[in-house]
């Protein structure tokens, strides 16, 4: 059963996090914090379904709302406030001593980008990153890359990217990831868009597509973060 956690930021403001405990059977010994995308909070069907499925696979998962989402605002805060919120969640999870074993961070789209910026800065206890639909650039603006800071990350990374992602395709990511010093793996979701949704003509169900993504996340985390 999930559990709500109050996260207090240095500013005195609070946001809500939700902990999804790992299934008792075959626990991975990893806690994964996932930030949401810019347009939908932790209560979105994507965040809830992924957190629930990962916890069922033995990975303790924590989601949270960024401050602007918690306060019911539509526009995301500046990046320093987004990063400060993410750091507060990391500190809260670590201090609660509910993190079983190693700690990984990541998120969907913007949530993953902010996680990567935190990891590139001052998050020394992060064992790995799971980036779901990394927003490499704004749609239609391929010259505005958000990749320079990735070179500063020392923890292993898993990028899950749809082949139709308007924010950056796997083909655009590959040459960037090859230049990184830290291990970086790319899992391509064939026919998937920014949220891994596939067309009916793809010949595969949405359920099977999500399952393949979740299976790969579990496999990667167990192989890369538990040795």
Protein backbone atom coordinates (compact mmCIF):
# COMPACT_ATOMS: atom_id res chain seq x y z
CA UNK A 1 0.00 0.00 0.00
CA UNK A 2 1.37 3.42 -0.95
CA UNK A 3 2.23 5.99 1.71
CA UNK A 4 2.20 9.78 1.55
CA UNK A 5 5.30 11.63 2.71
CA UNK A 6 5.55 15.36 3.47
CA UNK A 7 8.70 16.89 2.01
CA UNK A 8 9.83 20.21 3.48
CA UNK A 9 12.02 22.42 1.35
CA UNK A 10 14.69 24.80 2.65
CA UNK A 11 12.29 27.67 1.90
CA UNK A 12 9.81 26.22 4.40
CA UNK A 13 7.37 25.24 1.65
CA UNK A 14 6.17 21.65 1.38
CA UNK A 15 5.37 19.19 -1.36
CA UNK A 16 3.87 15.72 -1.25
CA UNK A 17 5.68 12.53 -2.15
CA UNK A 18 4.23 9.03 -2.41
CA UNK A 19 6.20 5.91 -1.50
CA UNK A 20 5.32 2.65 -3.25
CA UNK A 21 6.94 -0.14 -1.17
CA UNK A 22 8.77 -2.91 -2.98
CA UNK A 23 6.95 -6.22 -3.17
CA UNK A 24 8.20 -8.51 -0.43
CA UNK A 25 9.23 -11.16 -2.92
CA UNK A 26 12.59 -10.77 -4.68
CA UNK A 27 13.34 -7.19 -3.60
CA UNK A 28 16.05 -5.47 -5.62
CA UNK A 29 17.45 -3.43 -2.75
CA UNK A 30 16.97 -0.19 -4.71
CA UNK A 31 14.83 2.89 -4.15
CA UNK A 32 13.95 4.83 -7.31
CA UNK A 33 12.72 8.44 -7.12
CA UNK A 34 10.78 9.57 -10.20
CA UNK A 35 9.89 13.17 -11.02
CA UNK A 36 6.86 13.95 -13.19
CA UNK A 37 6.71 15.73 -16.53
CA UNK A 38 5.92 19.42 -16.96
CA UNK A 39 2.22 19.05 -17.71
CA UNK A 40 0.98 16.35 -15.33
CA UNK A 41 1.82 15.58 -11.70
CA UNK A 42 2.46 12.40 -9.79
CA UNK A 43 -1.25 11.48 -9.88
CA UNK A 44 -1.17 11.09 -13.67
CA UNK A 45 -1.93 7.63 -15.01
CA UNK A 46 1.62 7.31 -16.40
CA UNK A 47 3.32 8.06 -13.08
CA UNK A 48 0.96 5.93 -11.01
CA UNK A 49 1.08 2.93 -13.35
CA UNK A 50 4.88 2.98 -13.67
CA UNK A 51 5.45 3.43 -9.93
CA UNK A 52 2.97 0.67 -9.11
CA UNK A 53 4.46 -1.72 -11.67
CA UNK A 54 8.05 -1.09 -10.57
CA UNK A 55 7.21 -1.62 -6.92
CA UNK A 56 5.52 -4.90 -7.87
CA UNK A 57 8.81 -5.87 -9.50
CA UNK A 58 10.66 -5.42 -6.21
CA UNK A 59 11.87 -1.84 -6.71
CA UNK A 60 10.78 0.61 -4.02
CA UNK A 61 9.55 3.69 -5.89
CA UNK A 62 8.91 7.26 -4.78
CA UNK A 63 7.04 9.91 -6.80
CA UNK A 64 6.45 13.53 -5.85
CA UNK A 65 4.98 16.81 -7.03
CA UNK A 66 7.22 19.72 -7.87
CA UNK A 67 6.21 22.85 -5.97
CA UNK A 68 4.34 24.54 -8.83
CA UNK A 69 2.25 21.41 -9.37
CA UNK A 70 1.59 21.05 -5.64
CA UNK A 71 0.30 24.64 -5.59
CA UNK A 72 -1.92 24.13 -8.63
CA UNK A 73 0.07 26.33 -10.98
CA UNK A 74 0.46 25.39 -14.64
CA UNK A 75 3.87 26.83 -15.49
CA UNK A 76 6.94 25.06 -14.08
CA UNK A 77 9.18 26.95 -11.67
CA UNK A 78 12.65 28.16 -12.74
CA UNK A 79 15.23 25.37 -12.86
CA UNK A 80 16.90 26.34 -9.56
CA UNK A 81 13.59 25.89 -7.71
CA UNK A 82 12.88 22.62 -9.53
CA UNK A 83 16.32 21.31 -8.59
CA UNK A 84 15.92 22.47 -4.98
CA UNK A 85 12.65 20.57 -4.76
CA UNK A 86 14.22 17.41 -6.16
CA UNK A 87 17.13 17.66 -3.70
CA UNK A 88 14.67 18.04 -0.82
CA UNK A 89 12.93 14.83 -1.88
CA UNK A 90 16.26 12.97 -2.05
CA UNK A 91 17.18 14.19 1.44
CA UNK A 92 13.80 13.27 2.87
CA UNK A 93 13.86 9.77 1.42
CA UNK A 94 17.41 9.19 2.66
CA UNK A 95 16.72 10.54 6.16
CA UNK A 96 13.59 8.43 6.60
CA UNK A 97 15.80 5.34 6.32
CA UNK A 98 13.16 3.79 4.14
CA UNK A 99 15.52 3.58 1.19
CA UNK A 100 16.43 -0.09 1.02
CA UNK A 101 19.98 -0.27 -0.30
CA UNK A 102 20.98 1.98 -3.16
CA UNK A 103 19.22 5.13 -4.37
CA UNK A 104 18.46 5.93 -8.01
CA UNK A 105 16.72 9.00 -9.41
CA UNK A 106 15.06 9.95 -12.67
CA UNK A 107 11.69 10.79 -14.08
CA UNK A 108 9.49 11.44 -17.05
CA UNK A 109 10.55 14.18 -19.47
CA UNK A 110 11.17 17.33 -17.37
CA UNK A 111 11.39 15.26 -14.19
CA UNK A 112 14.20 13.24 -15.73
CA UNK A 113 15.98 16.35 -16.97
CA UNK A 114 15.92 17.92 -13.51
CA UNK A 115 17.13 14.65 -11.99
CA UNK A 116 20.06 14.65 -14.42
CA UNK A 117 20.92 18.24 -13.54
CA UNK A 118 20.87 17.37 -9.83
CA UNK A 119 23.08 14.34 -10.48
CA UNK A 120 25.49 16.51 -12.47
CA UNK A 121 25.75 18.85 -9.50
CA UNK A 122 25.81 17.82 -5.86
CA UNK A 123 24.04 14.48 -5.49
CA UNK A 124 26.94 12.15 -4.56
CA UNK A 125 24.76 9.34 -3.17
CA UNK A 126 22.94 8.67 -6.44
CA UNK A 127 23.74 5.19 -7.77
CA UNK A 128 22.04 5.55 -11.14
CA UNK A 129 19.51 7.42 -13.27
CA UNK A 130 16.39 6.26 -15.15
CA UNK A 131 15.34 8.86 -17.74
CA UNK A 132 11.97 8.29 -19.39
CA UNK A 133 11.54 10.29 -22.57
CA UNK A 134 14.49 12.60 -22.03
CA UNK A 135 13.66 16.07 -23.44
CA UNK A 136 16.83 16.55 -25.48
CA UNK A 137 15.39 19.68 -27.10
CA UNK A 138 12.05 21.49 -27.43
CA UNK A 139 9.92 20.14 -30.31
CA UNK A 140 11.07 21.62 -33.60
CA UNK A 141 14.13 23.27 -32.02
CA UNK A 142 16.89 20.72 -32.52
CA UNK A 143 19.57 23.39 -32.06
CA UNK A 144 18.55 23.98 -28.43
CA UNK A 145 20.13 20.88 -26.91
CA UNK A 146 19.89 20.09 -23.21
CA UNK A 147 22.84 17.74 -23.07
CA UNK A 148 25.97 19.60 -21.98
CA UNK A 149 25.55 18.75 -18.28
CA UNK A 150 25.24 15.02 -18.98
CA UNK A 151 29.04 14.83 -19.26
CA UNK A 152 29.29 15.77 -15.57
CA UNK A 153 27.29 12.76 -14.38
CA UNK A 154 29.36 9.90 -12.98
CA UNK A 155 26.55 7.41 -12.24
CA UNK A 156 25.27 4.94 -14.86
CA UNK A 157 22.24 6.05 -16.84
CA UNK A 158 19.35 4.37 -18.65
CA UNK A 159 17.59 6.42 -21.33
CA UNK A 160 14.20 5.09 -22.50
CA UNK A 161 13.23 6.92 -25.69
CA UNK A 162 10.40 6.50 -28.18
CA UNK A 163 11.39 6.36 -31.83
CA UNK A 164 8.78 9.05 -32.60
CA UNK A 165 9.70 11.36 -29.71
CA UNK A 166 9.38 14.99 -30.85
CA UNK A 167 11.67 16.04 -27.97
CA UNK A 168 14.54 13.95 -29.30
CA UNK A 169 14.75 10.60 -31.07
CA UNK A 170 17.07 7.72 -30.18
CA UNK A 171 19.06 8.57 -33.32
CA UNK A 172 19.68 12.06 -31.94
CA UNK A 173 20.67 10.74 -28.52
CA UNK A 174 23.09 8.01 -29.59
CA UNK A 175 26.03 10.19 -30.65
CA UNK A 176 25.71 12.23 -27.46
CA UNK A 177 25.64 9.19 -25.19
CA UNK A 178 28.67 7.65 -26.89
CA UNK A 179 30.78 10.61 -25.75
CA UNK A 180 29.86 10.32 -22.06
CA UNK A 181 32.34 8.90 -19.57
CA UNK A 182 29.68 7.29 -17.39
CA UNK A 183 27.94 4.15 -18.68
CA UNK A 184 24.83 5.19 -20.61
CA UNK A 185 22.40 2.70 -22.11
CA UNK A 186 19.63 3.57 -24.56
CA UNK A 187 16.45 1.52 -24.84
CA UNK A 188 14.43 2.42 -27.92
CA UNK A 189 10.66 2.08 -27.80
CA UNK A 190 9.79 1.16 -31.39
CA UNK A 191 6.96 3.36 -32.63
CA UNK A 192 6.67 5.13 -29.31
CA UNK A 193 6.11 8.86 -28.84
CA UNK A 194 7.26 11.06 -25.93
CA UNK A 195 5.14 8.99 -23.51
CA UNK A 196 5.88 5.68 -25.30
CA UNK A 197 2.42 5.56 -26.84
CA UNK A 198 2.31 3.55 -30.06
CA UNK A 199 0.03 3.80 -33.06
CA UNK A 200 -2.59 1.10 -33.64
CA UNK A 201 -0.82 0.31 -36.89
CA UNK A 202 2.33 -0.65 -34.95
CA UNK A 203 1.07 -4.20 -34.51
CA UNK A 204 1.74 -4.23 -30.76
CA UNK A 205 -0.56 -3.34 -27.88
CA UNK A 206 0.08 -0.41 -25.57
CA UNK A 207 0.06 -2.79 -22.63
CA UNK A 208 2.82 -4.91 -24.18
CA UNK A 209 4.82 -1.78 -25.01
CA UNK A 210 4.72 -0.52 -21.42
CA UNK A 211 5.55 -4.01 -20.16
CA UNK A 212 8.64 -4.12 -22.35
CA UNK A 213 9.76 -0.75 -20.99
CA UNK A 214 9.18 -1.78 -17.37
CA UNK A 215 10.93 -5.12 -17.91
CA UNK A 216 13.97 -3.32 -19.31
CA UNK A 217 14.07 -0.84 -16.43
CA UNK A 218 13.98 -3.68 -13.92
CA UNK A 219 16.63 -5.69 -15.76
CA UNK A 220 18.93 -2.70 -16.07
CA UNK A 221 18.56 -1.64 -12.45
CA UNK A 222 19.23 -5.12 -11.12
CA UNK A 223 22.25 -5.58 -13.39
CA UNK A 224 23.80 -2.11 -13.19
CA UNK A 225 22.98 -1.02 -9.65
CA UNK A 226 23.05 -4.10 -7.44
CA UNK A 227 26.50 -5.55 -8.17
